[in-house]
């Protein structure tokens, strides 16, 4: 996977988590991964699997491709996740 996309994924995971008011621990529980793993995703030290990216997109009710866009837009995202 392209390094720029990986950096964008971590940044977007953090933005979304904060937008929805989750802690890393809460999200790691929801996604069934360790908090350390989730933290590494946000820090771009580890790459989430496609299965985990799908879980994230379903949780936030956003298209999967939104996770890889450099300029994530929040105008179409509902906080009801």
C-alpha atoms as a PDB file:
ATOM      1  CA  UNK A   1       0.000   0.000   0.000  1.00  0.00           C
ATOM      2  CA  UNK A   2       1.199   3.505  -0.792  1.00  0.00           C
ATOM      3  CA  UNK A   3       2.973   5.160   2.188  1.00  0.00           C
ATOM      4  CA  UNK A   4       0.948   8.376   1.731  1.00  0.00           C
ATOM      5  CA  UNK A   5      -2.304   6.422   1.949  1.00  0.00           C
ATOM      6  CA  UNK A   6      -1.081   4.721   5.129  1.00  0.00           C
ATOM      7  CA  UNK A   7      -0.293   8.091   6.713  1.00  0.00           C
ATOM      8  CA  UNK A   8      -3.740   9.320   5.724  1.00  0.00           C
ATOM      9  CA  UNK A   9      -5.478   6.282   7.224  1.00  0.00           C
ATOM     10  CA  UNK A  10      -3.905   6.822  10.637  1.00  0.00           C
ATOM     11  CA  UNK A  11      -4.689  10.525  10.586  1.00  0.00           C
ATOM     12  CA  UNK A  12      -8.288   9.877   9.541  1.00  0.00           C
ATOM     13  CA  UNK A  13      -8.792   7.173  12.170  1.00  0.00           C
ATOM     14  CA  UNK A  14      -7.755   9.668  14.837  1.00  0.00           C
ATOM     15  CA  UNK A  15      -9.952  12.454  13.421  1.00  0.00           C
ATOM     16  CA  UNK A  16     -12.977  10.177  13.279  1.00  0.00           C
ATOM     17  CA  UNK A  17     -12.414   8.804  16.776  1.00  0.00           C
ATOM     18  CA  UNK A  18     -12.208  12.294  18.238  1.00  0.00           C
ATOM     19  CA  UNK A  19     -15.175  13.520  16.166  1.00  0.00           C
ATOM     20  CA  UNK A  20     -17.335  10.733  17.594  1.00  0.00           C
ATOM     21  CA  UNK A  21     -15.928  11.107  21.113  1.00  0.00           C
ATOM     22  CA  UNK A  22     -14.412   7.660  21.527  1.00  0.00           C
ATOM     23  CA  UNK A  23     -11.285   6.794  23.467  1.00  0.00           C
ATOM     24  CA  UNK A  24      -8.760   4.439  21.914  1.00  0.00           C
ATOM     25  CA  UNK A  25      -9.697   1.872  24.543  1.00  0.00           C
ATOM     26  CA  UNK A  26     -13.407   2.068  23.664  1.00  0.00           C
ATOM     27  CA  UNK A  27     -12.727   1.686  19.957  1.00  0.00           C
ATOM     28  CA  UNK A  28     -10.306  -1.170  20.450  1.00  0.00           C
ATOM     29  CA  UNK A  29     -13.039  -3.003  22.390  1.00  0.00           C
ATOM     30  CA  UNK A  30     -15.647  -2.310  19.690  1.00  0.00           C
ATOM     31  CA  UNK A  31     -13.286  -3.423  16.920  1.00  0.00           C
ATOM     32  CA  UNK A  32     -11.997  -6.421  18.910  1.00  0.00           C
ATOM     33  CA  UNK A  33      -8.322  -5.432  18.797  1.00  0.00           C
ATOM     34  CA  UNK A  34      -5.937  -4.449  21.561  1.00  0.00           C
ATOM     35  CA  UNK A  35      -5.601  -0.808  22.522  1.00  0.00           C
ATOM     36  CA  UNK A  36      -1.931  -1.033  21.566  1.00  0.00           C
ATOM     37  CA  UNK A  37      -2.854  -2.215  18.072  1.00  0.00           C
ATOM     38  CA  UNK A  38      -5.376   0.582  17.611  1.00  0.00           C
ATOM     39  CA  UNK A  39      -2.849   3.132  18.834  1.00  0.00           C
ATOM     40  CA  UNK A  40      -0.322   1.832  16.305  1.00  0.00           C
ATOM     41  CA  UNK A  41      -2.899   2.266  13.528  1.00  0.00           C
ATOM     42  CA  UNK A  42      -3.387   5.913  14.439  1.00  0.00           C
ATOM     43  CA  UNK A  43       0.372   6.435  14.699  1.00  0.00           C
ATOM     44  CA  UNK A  44       0.947   4.721  11.341  1.00  0.00           C
ATOM     45  CA  UNK A  45       3.186   2.137  12.989  1.00  0.00           C
ATOM     46  CA  UNK A  46       0.888  -0.694  11.923  1.00  0.00           C
ATOM     47  CA  UNK A  47      -1.548  -1.065   9.032  1.00  0.00           C
ATOM     48  CA  UNK A  48      -5.139  -2.151   9.740  1.00  0.00           C
ATOM     49  CA  UNK A  49      -6.359  -5.138   7.756  1.00  0.00           C
ATOM     50  CA  UNK A  50      -9.037  -4.581   5.153  1.00  0.00           C
ATOM     51  CA  UNK A  51     -11.438  -6.432   7.458  1.00  0.00           C
ATOM     52  CA  UNK A  52     -10.730  -3.927  10.242  1.00  0.00           C
ATOM     53  CA  UNK A  53     -11.054  -0.982   7.855  1.00  0.00           C
ATOM     54  CA  UNK A  54     -14.463  -2.317   6.827  1.00  0.00           C
ATOM     55  CA  UNK A  55     -15.472  -2.556  10.508  1.00  0.00           C
ATOM     56  CA  UNK A  56     -14.412   1.077  11.002  1.00  0.00           C
ATOM     57  CA  UNK A  57     -16.326   2.264   7.940  1.00  0.00           C
ATOM     58  CA  UNK A  58     -19.433   0.381   9.105  1.00  0.00           C
ATOM     59  CA  UNK A  59     -19.146   1.762  12.628  1.00  0.00           C
ATOM     60  CA  UNK A  60     -18.968   5.346  11.389  1.00  0.00           C
ATOM     61  CA  UNK A  61     -21.372   4.701   8.484  1.00  0.00           C
ATOM     62  CA  UNK A  62     -18.962   6.109   5.921  1.00  0.00           C
ATOM     63  CA  UNK A  63     -17.689   4.699   2.630  1.00  0.00           C
ATOM     64  CA  UNK A  64     -14.497   2.704   2.993  1.00  0.00           C
ATOM     65  CA  UNK A  65     -12.694   4.995   0.557  1.00  0.00           C
ATOM     66  CA  UNK A  66     -13.266   7.977   2.893  1.00  0.00           C
ATOM     67  CA  UNK A  67     -10.672   6.452   5.224  1.00  0.00           C
ATOM     68  CA  UNK A  68      -7.960   6.887   2.619  1.00  0.00           C
ATOM     69  CA  UNK A  69      -8.792  10.395   1.405  1.00  0.00           C
ATOM     70  CA  UNK A  70      -6.268  13.010   2.419  1.00  0.00           C
ATOM     71  CA  UNK A  71      -8.991  15.586   3.066  1.00  0.00           C
ATOM     72  CA  UNK A  72     -11.634  13.742   5.074  1.00  0.00           C
ATOM     73  CA  UNK A  73     -14.862  15.756   4.988  1.00  0.00           C
ATOM     74  CA  UNK A  74     -17.184  15.691   7.981  1.00  0.00           C
ATOM     75  CA  UNK A  75     -20.115  17.500   6.372  1.00  0.00           C
ATOM     76  CA  UNK A  76     -21.805  14.220   5.367  1.00  0.00           C
ATOM     77  CA  UNK A  77     -20.920  12.237   8.502  1.00  0.00           C
ATOM     78  CA  UNK A  78     -23.601  11.814  11.162  1.00  0.00           C
ATOM     79  CA  UNK A  79     -22.554  11.554  14.814  1.00  0.00           C
ATOM     80  CA  UNK A  80     -25.046   8.765  15.462  1.00  0.00           C
ATOM     81  CA  UNK A  81     -22.504   5.953  15.109  1.00  0.00           C
END
